[in-house]
N, C-alpha and C. Protein backbone atom coordinates (compact mmCIF):
# COMPACT_ATOMS: atom_id res chain seq x y z
N UNK A 1 -98.25 -25.05 -12.85
CA UNK A 1 -98.75 -24.10 -11.78
C UNK A 1 -99.33 -23.44 -11.63
N UNK A 2 -100.13 -22.83 -11.16
CA UNK A 2 -101.58 -21.98 -10.87
C UNK A 2 -100.88 -20.79 -9.32
N UNK A 3 -101.13 -19.96 -10.07
CA UNK A 3 -100.88 -18.70 -9.19
C UNK A 3 -101.70 -18.05 -8.42
N UNK A 4 -101.52 -17.66 -7.29
CA UNK A 4 -102.47 -17.26 -6.41
C UNK A 4 -102.67 -15.88 -6.29
N UNK A 5 -101.68 -15.04 -7.06
CA UNK A 5 -101.95 -13.53 -7.43
C UNK A 5 -103.12 -13.41 -8.72
N UNK A 6 -103.93 -12.31 -8.16
CA UNK A 6 -104.93 -12.35 -9.16
C UNK A 6 -104.40 -11.38 -10.51
N UNK A 7 -105.01 -11.50 -11.22
CA UNK A 7 -104.82 -10.84 -12.50
C UNK A 7 -105.05 -9.65 -12.81
N UNK A 8 -104.62 -8.63 -13.35
CA UNK A 8 -104.76 -7.65 -13.05
C UNK A 8 -106.31 -6.87 -13.25
N UNK A 9 -107.19 -7.82 -14.47
CA UNK A 9 -108.27 -7.17 -14.71
C UNK A 9 -109.51 -7.29 -13.02
N UNK A 10 -109.08 -8.43 -12.35
CA UNK A 10 -109.73 -8.82 -11.47
C UNK A 10 -109.70 -7.18 -10.14
N UNK A 11 -108.50 -6.48 -10.22
CA UNK A 11 -108.37 -5.28 -9.26
C UNK A 11 -109.54 -4.76 -9.40
N UNK A 12 -109.95 -4.53 -10.65
CA UNK A 12 -111.26 -3.29 -11.15
C UNK A 12 -112.36 -3.52 -10.74
N UNK A 13 -112.64 -4.54 -10.05
CA UNK A 13 -114.09 -4.92 -9.43
C UNK A 13 -114.30 -4.45 -8.29
N UNK A 14 -113.29 -3.78 -7.48
CA UNK A 14 -112.67 -3.18 -6.05
C UNK A 14 -113.29 -1.71 -6.50
N UNK A 15 -113.64 -1.28 -5.00
CA UNK A 15 -113.98 0.58 -4.96
C UNK A 15 -112.57 1.20 -5.45
N UNK A 16 -112.28 1.99 -5.98
CA UNK A 16 -111.24 2.62 -6.21
C UNK A 16 -111.08 3.89 -4.96
N UNK A 17 -112.48 4.15 -4.40
CA UNK A 17 -112.45 5.05 -3.11
C UNK A 17 -113.82 4.96 -2.50
N UNK A 18 -113.87 3.96 -1.15
CA UNK A 18 -115.13 3.54 -0.73
C UNK A 18 -115.07 4.52 0.36
N UNK A 19 -116.24 5.33 0.16
CA UNK A 19 -116.71 6.82 1.11
C UNK A 19 -117.29 6.10 2.34
N UNK A 20 -118.29 5.41 2.13
CA UNK A 20 -119.21 4.87 3.02
C UNK A 20 -118.37 4.19 4.15
N UNK A 21 -117.79 2.97 4.29
CA UNK A 21 -116.95 2.22 5.40
C UNK A 21 -115.96 3.02 6.13
N UNK A 22 -115.32 4.07 4.89
CA UNK A 22 -113.83 4.80 5.45
C UNK A 22 -114.53 6.17 6.20
N UNK A 23 -115.83 7.00 6.04
CA UNK A 23 -116.46 7.74 6.57
C UNK A 23 -116.93 7.11 8.32
N UNK A 24 -117.30 5.95 8.16
CA UNK A 24 -117.71 5.44 9.36
C UNK A 24 -116.56 4.99 10.03
N UNK A 25 -115.21 5.05 9.82
CA UNK A 25 -113.91 4.71 10.44
C UNK A 25 -113.78 6.21 10.91
N UNK A 26 -114.08 7.06 10.51
CA UNK A 26 -113.55 8.51 10.84
C UNK A 26 -115.00 9.05 11.54
N UNK A 27 -115.63 8.25 12.12
CA UNK A 27 -116.58 8.57 12.84
C UNK A 27 -117.97 9.65 12.70
N UNK A 28 -117.91 9.84 11.30
CA UNK A 28 -118.44 10.96 10.52
C UNK A 28 -117.82 11.95 10.56
N UNK A 29 -116.64 12.29 11.04
CA UNK A 29 -115.63 13.42 10.87
C UNK A 29 -115.34 13.92 9.67
N UNK A 30 -115.89 14.35 8.87
CA UNK A 30 -115.72 15.23 7.68
C UNK A 30 -114.39 15.73 7.49
N UNK A 31 -114.23 16.72 8.45
CA UNK A 31 -113.07 17.40 8.28
C UNK A 31 -111.71 16.79 8.11
N UNK A 32 -111.57 15.65 9.46
CA UNK A 32 -110.82 14.74 9.98
C UNK A 32 -110.62 13.82 8.73
N UNK A 33 -111.51 13.60 7.59
CA UNK A 33 -111.33 13.02 6.57
C UNK A 33 -110.74 13.72 5.62
N UNK A 34 -111.33 14.38 5.28
CA UNK A 34 -110.62 15.68 4.07
C UNK A 34 -109.29 15.89 4.52
N UNK A 35 -109.02 16.15 5.79
CA UNK A 35 -107.52 16.72 5.90
C UNK A 35 -106.52 15.34 5.96
N UNK A 36 -106.98 14.31 6.25
CA UNK A 36 -106.20 12.67 5.79
C UNK A 36 -106.51 12.37 4.24
N UNK A 37 -107.43 12.65 3.59
CA UNK A 37 -107.14 12.56 2.14
C UNK A 37 -106.02 13.34 1.49
N UNK A 38 -106.62 14.65 2.09
CA UNK A 38 -105.37 15.81 1.39
C UNK A 38 -103.40 15.03 1.50
N UNK A 39 -103.50 14.57 2.77
CA UNK A 39 -102.26 14.26 3.41
C UNK A 39 -101.86 13.10 2.49
N UNK A 40 -102.78 11.94 2.09
CA UNK A 40 -102.66 11.02 1.14
C UNK A 40 -102.46 11.08 -0.37
N UNK A 41 -103.21 12.04 -0.91
CA UNK A 41 -102.84 12.41 -2.15
C UNK A 41 -101.55 12.93 -2.51
N UNK A 42 -100.92 13.31 -1.02
CA UNK A 42 -99.75 13.83 -1.41
C UNK A 42 -98.77 12.62 -1.09
N UNK A 43 -98.78 12.24 0.09
CA UNK A 43 -97.60 11.23 0.21
C UNK A 43 -97.72 9.79 -0.58
N UNK A 44 -99.00 8.94 -0.82
CA UNK A 44 -99.33 7.71 -1.90
C UNK A 44 -98.56 7.88 -2.79
N UNK A 45 -98.27 8.94 -3.93
CA UNK A 45 -97.29 8.71 -5.41
C UNK A 45 -95.90 8.68 -4.78
N UNK A 46 -95.40 9.27 -3.83
CA UNK A 46 -94.09 9.04 -3.33
C UNK A 46 -94.04 7.44 -2.51
N UNK A 47 -95.02 7.26 -2.06
CA UNK A 47 -95.09 5.63 -1.73
C UNK A 47 -95.07 4.93 -2.69
N UNK A 48 -95.65 4.86 -3.76
CA UNK A 48 -95.84 4.42 -4.86
C UNK A 48 -94.34 4.18 -5.83
N UNK A 49 -93.21 5.45 -5.52
CA UNK A 49 -92.27 5.41 -6.52
C UNK A 49 -91.28 4.51 -5.61
N UNK A 50 -91.51 4.92 -4.36
CA UNK A 50 -90.52 3.88 -3.74
C UNK A 50 -90.44 2.49 -3.75
N UNK A 51 -91.67 2.06 -3.87
CA UNK A 51 -92.24 0.49 -4.17
C UNK A 51 -91.96 0.38 -5.66
N UNK A 52 -92.09 1.12 -6.35
CA UNK A 52 -91.64 0.65 -7.93
C UNK A 52 -90.24 0.47 -7.71
N UNK A 53 -89.57 1.50 -7.20
CA UNK A 53 -88.28 1.74 -7.17
C UNK A 53 -87.75 0.28 -6.61
N UNK A 54 -88.23 -0.67 -5.80
CA UNK A 54 -87.68 -1.23 -5.04
C UNK A 54 -87.81 -3.01 -5.98
N UNK A 55 -89.30 -2.57 -6.55
CA UNK A 55 -89.37 -3.65 -7.61
C UNK A 55 -88.41 -3.53 -8.60
N UNK A 56 -88.11 -2.60 -9.25
CA UNK A 56 -86.88 -2.58 -9.93
C UNK A 56 -86.03 -3.61 -9.91
N UNK A 57 -85.16 -2.90 -8.78
CA UNK A 57 -83.89 -3.63 -7.66
C UNK A 57 -84.18 -4.98 -7.69
N UNK A 58 -85.44 -5.40 -7.69
CA UNK A 58 -85.56 -6.87 -7.44
C UNK A 58 -85.39 -7.14 -5.78
N UNK A 59 -85.40 -6.13 -4.95
CA UNK A 59 -85.30 -6.51 -3.58
C UNK A 59 -86.69 -6.78 -2.94
N UNK A 60 -87.17 -8.00 -2.77
CA UNK A 60 -88.20 -8.52 -2.37
C UNK A 60 -88.54 -7.96 -0.99
N UNK A 61 -87.44 -7.65 0.18
CA UNK A 61 -87.71 -7.20 1.32
C UNK A 61 -88.50 -5.89 1.07
N UNK A 62 -87.54 -4.92 0.49
CA UNK A 62 -87.78 -3.53 0.20
C UNK A 62 -89.15 -3.57 -0.24
N UNK A 63 -89.50 -4.12 -1.29
CA UNK A 63 -90.45 -4.12 -2.23
C UNK A 63 -91.99 -4.55 -0.83
N UNK A 64 -91.58 -5.56 -0.43
CA UNK A 64 -92.75 -6.48 0.45
C UNK A 64 -93.04 -4.92 1.37
N UNK A 65 -91.96 -4.55 2.05
CA UNK A 65 -92.20 -3.44 3.07
C UNK A 65 -92.70 -2.16 2.59
N UNK A 66 -92.48 -1.82 1.27
CA UNK A 66 -93.17 -0.70 0.89
C UNK A 66 -94.80 -0.93 0.31
N UNK A 67 -94.71 -2.13 -0.01
CA UNK A 67 -96.27 -2.26 -0.26
C UNK A 67 -96.73 -2.77 0.71
N UNK A 68 -96.62 -2.90 2.18
CA UNK A 68 -97.08 -3.22 3.64
C UNK A 68 -97.61 -1.61 3.73
N UNK A 69 -96.24 -0.53 3.39
CA UNK A 69 -96.85 0.67 3.98
C UNK A 69 -97.97 1.33 3.31
N UNK A 70 -97.78 1.17 1.87
CA UNK A 70 -98.71 1.91 0.93
C UNK A 70 -100.27 1.27 1.02
N UNK A 71 -99.97 -0.38 1.69
CA UNK A 71 -101.32 -0.60 1.69
C UNK A 71 -102.16 -0.35 2.91
N UNK A 72 -101.32 0.15 4.23
CA UNK A 72 -101.68 0.54 5.22
C UNK A 72 -102.62 2.16 4.87
N UNK A 73 -101.98 2.88 4.38
CA UNK A 73 -102.30 4.31 3.64
C UNK A 73 -103.67 3.72 2.96
N UNK A 74 -103.52 2.68 2.15
CA UNK A 74 -104.42 2.37 1.07
C UNK A 74 -106.01 2.39 1.86
N UNK A 75 -105.70 1.19 2.96
CA UNK A 75 -106.81 1.05 3.78
C UNK A 75 -107.25 2.16 4.83
N UNK A 76 -106.64 2.74 5.29
CA UNK A 76 -107.34 3.88 6.03
C UNK A 76 -108.03 4.88 5.12
N UNK A 77 -107.88 5.28 3.80
CA UNK A 77 -108.78 5.87 3.52
C UNK A 77 -109.66 5.14 2.39
N UNK A 78 -110.03 3.96 2.49
CA UNK A 78 -110.85 3.39 1.73
C UNK A 78 -110.26 3.28 0.09
N UNK A 79 -109.29 2.99 0.08
CA UNK A 79 -108.83 3.16 -1.63
C UNK A 79 -108.56 1.51 -1.76
N UNK A 80 -109.74 0.77 -1.72
CA UNK A 80 -109.82 -0.58 -1.74
C UNK A 80 -108.55 -1.29 -2.93
N UNK A 81 -109.05 -0.93 -4.04
CA UNK A 81 -108.09 -1.34 -5.41
C UNK A 81 -107.31 -1.50 -5.00
N UNK A 82 -106.11 0.23 -4.54
CA UNK A 82 -105.22 -0.21 -4.32
C UNK A 82 -104.70 -1.12 -3.17
N UNK A 83 -105.27 -1.07 -2.64
CA UNK A 83 -104.92 -2.00 -1.16
C UNK A 83 -104.60 -3.67 -1.43
N UNK A 84 -105.68 -4.15 -2.66
CA UNK A 84 -105.69 -5.43 -3.35
C UNK A 84 -104.43 -5.40 -3.81
N UNK A 85 -103.74 -4.54 -4.64
CA UNK A 85 -102.79 -4.58 -5.80
C UNK A 85 -101.53 -4.47 -4.39
N UNK A 86 -101.57 -3.87 -3.34
CA UNK A 86 -100.29 -4.06 -2.37
C UNK A 86 -100.41 -5.31 -1.75
N UNK A 87 -101.93 -5.89 -1.39
CA UNK A 87 -101.58 -7.49 -0.66
C UNK A 87 -100.90 -8.31 -1.51
N UNK A 88 -101.03 -8.41 -3.20
CA UNK A 88 -100.55 -9.12 -3.67
C UNK A 88 -99.17 -8.56 -3.88
N UNK A 89 -98.42 -7.61 -4.12
CA UNK A 89 -97.30 -7.79 -4.02
C UNK A 89 -96.40 -8.23 -2.99
N UNK A 90 -97.37 -7.78 -1.58
CA UNK A 90 -96.80 -8.54 -0.15
C UNK A 90 -96.89 -9.75 -0.57
N UNK A 91 -97.89 -10.67 -1.04
CA UNK A 91 -97.56 -11.96 -1.13
C UNK A 91 -96.39 -12.28 -2.64
N UNK A 92 -96.30 -11.56 -3.22
CA UNK A 92 -95.49 -11.61 -4.37
C UNK A 92 -93.65 -11.72 -3.50
N UNK A 93 -93.80 -10.72 -2.69
CA UNK A 93 -92.28 -10.29 -1.38
C UNK A 93 -92.09 -11.87 -1.24
N UNK A 94 -93.24 -12.16 -0.31
CA UNK A 94 -93.06 -13.48 0.35
C UNK A 94 -92.63 -14.64 -0.22
N UNK A 95 -92.84 -14.41 -1.84
CA UNK A 95 -92.53 -15.78 -2.03
C UNK A 95 -91.32 -15.46 -3.41
N UNK A 96 -90.69 -14.10 -2.94
CA UNK A 96 -89.48 -14.06 -3.63
C UNK A 96 -89.70 -13.71 -5.20
N UNK A 97 -90.96 -13.27 -5.73
CA UNK A 97 -91.42 -13.40 -6.70
C UNK A 97 -91.45 -11.91 -7.83
N UNK A 98 -90.66 -11.54 -7.87
CA UNK A 98 -90.32 -9.84 -8.56
C UNK A 98 -90.87 -9.66 -9.64
N UNK A 99 -91.12 -11.11 -10.67
CA UNK A 99 -91.65 -10.89 -11.87
C UNK A 99 -93.09 -10.62 -11.40
N UNK A 100 -93.78 -11.00 -10.44
CA UNK A 100 -95.29 -11.44 -10.36
C UNK A 100 -95.35 -9.83 -9.77
N UNK A 101 -94.64 -9.00 -8.80
CA UNK A 101 -94.70 -7.91 -8.51
C UNK A 101 -94.97 -6.80 -9.84
N UNK A 102 -93.83 -7.10 -10.02
CA UNK A 102 -93.49 -6.14 -11.65
C UNK A 102 -94.83 -6.29 -12.34
N UNK A 103 -95.44 -7.12 -12.71
CA UNK A 103 -96.45 -7.51 -13.73
C UNK A 103 -97.95 -6.69 -12.72
N UNK A 104 -97.47 -6.41 -11.36
CA UNK A 104 -98.72 -5.85 -10.99
C UNK A 104 -98.60 -4.21 -11.10
N UNK A 105 -97.40 -3.74 -11.03
CA UNK A 105 -97.33 -2.52 -11.19
C UNK A 105 -98.26 -1.66 -11.95
N UNK A 106 -98.56 -1.90 -12.92
CA UNK A 106 -99.41 -1.04 -14.06
C UNK A 106 -100.75 -1.02 -13.38
N UNK A 107 -101.48 -2.13 -13.08
CA UNK A 107 -102.68 -1.85 -11.98
C UNK A 107 -102.89 -1.36 -11.03
N UNK A 108 -101.70 -1.58 -10.40
CA UNK A 108 -101.53 -0.39 -9.12
C UNK A 108 -101.20 1.25 -9.31
N UNK A 109 -100.68 1.39 -10.45
CA UNK A 109 -100.59 2.87 -10.99
C UNK A 109 -101.86 3.11 -10.95
N UNK A 110 -102.70 2.53 -11.97
CA UNK A 110 -103.85 2.92 -12.54
C UNK A 110 -105.12 2.98 -11.04
N UNK A 111 -104.78 1.88 -9.90
CA UNK A 111 -105.45 2.10 -9.12
C UNK A 111 -105.45 3.34 -7.97
N UNK A 112 -103.93 4.04 -7.88
CA UNK A 112 -103.93 4.88 -7.66
C UNK A 112 -104.38 6.47 -8.10
N UNK A 113 -104.26 6.09 -9.81
CA UNK A 113 -105.03 7.27 -10.05
C UNK A 113 -106.55 7.42 -10.19
N UNK A 114 -107.17 6.02 -10.24
CA UNK A 114 -108.49 6.04 -9.70
C UNK A 114 -109.02 6.83 -8.50
N UNK A 115 -108.23 6.22 -7.32
CA UNK A 115 -108.35 6.79 -6.00
C UNK A 115 -108.15 8.49 -6.17
N UNK A 116 -107.09 8.66 -6.64
CA UNK A 116 -107.07 9.99 -6.32
C UNK A 116 -107.94 11.01 -7.13
N UNK A 117 -108.43 10.63 -8.23
CA UNK A 117 -109.44 11.24 -9.07
C UNK A 117 -110.56 11.11 -8.08
N UNK A 118 -110.96 10.02 -7.44
CA UNK A 118 -112.53 10.10 -6.76
C UNK A 118 -112.48 10.79 -5.42
N UNK A 119 -110.93 10.58 -4.63
CA UNK A 119 -110.96 11.79 -3.85
C UNK A 119 -110.68 13.07 -3.41
N UNK A 120 -109.98 13.50 -5.08
CA UNK A 120 -110.13 14.70 -5.70
C UNK A 120 -111.36 15.01 -5.57
N UNK A 121 -112.62 14.59 -6.38
CA UNK A 121 -113.72 14.61 -6.54
C UNK A 121 -114.76 15.11 -5.59
N UNK A 122 -114.26 14.13 -4.41
CA UNK A 122 -114.80 14.01 -3.33
C UNK A 122 -114.93 15.21 -2.06
N UNK A 123 -113.17 15.59 -1.95
CA UNK A 123 -112.80 17.10 -1.64
C UNK A 123 -113.46 18.41 -2.34
N UNK A 124 -113.39 18.00 -3.50
CA UNK A 124 -114.17 19.22 -4.15
C UNK A 124 -115.72 19.38 -4.03
N UNK A 125 -116.13 18.21 -3.70
CA UNK A 125 -117.64 18.11 -3.54
C UNK A 125 -117.90 18.95 -2.02
N UNK A 126 -116.75 18.41 -0.86
CA UNK A 126 -117.15 19.00 0.21
C UNK A 126 -117.01 20.32 0.29
N UNK A 127 -116.29 20.94 -0.39
CA UNK A 127 -115.71 22.73 -0.44
C UNK A 127 -116.73 23.45 -0.20
């Protein structure tokens, strides 16, 4: 049986933080982008903790909903790698595959850390 879930290595080909298209979505408003990034950097770790807890409990409905919420946050701020991880966790939830979701969690954690570093660097440079 083949899996439609991406191997963890595949996530590394996506941008941790894709500034160009993100800035376009914000219509070039650097102040709004900076404010949104700051809020996202505060909220996304909490969202990931909720997702991690739902996966640990094996609650596919809860981890699917948590992945969907985090994916929306990630896409808003250009965290493409994190969004891809969330997409695969959502797919695992729909297939009731807790082990597949659990296997994605290390890549998701790394994706959030990479995004946080890149976004923080952008915020530091904007000051």
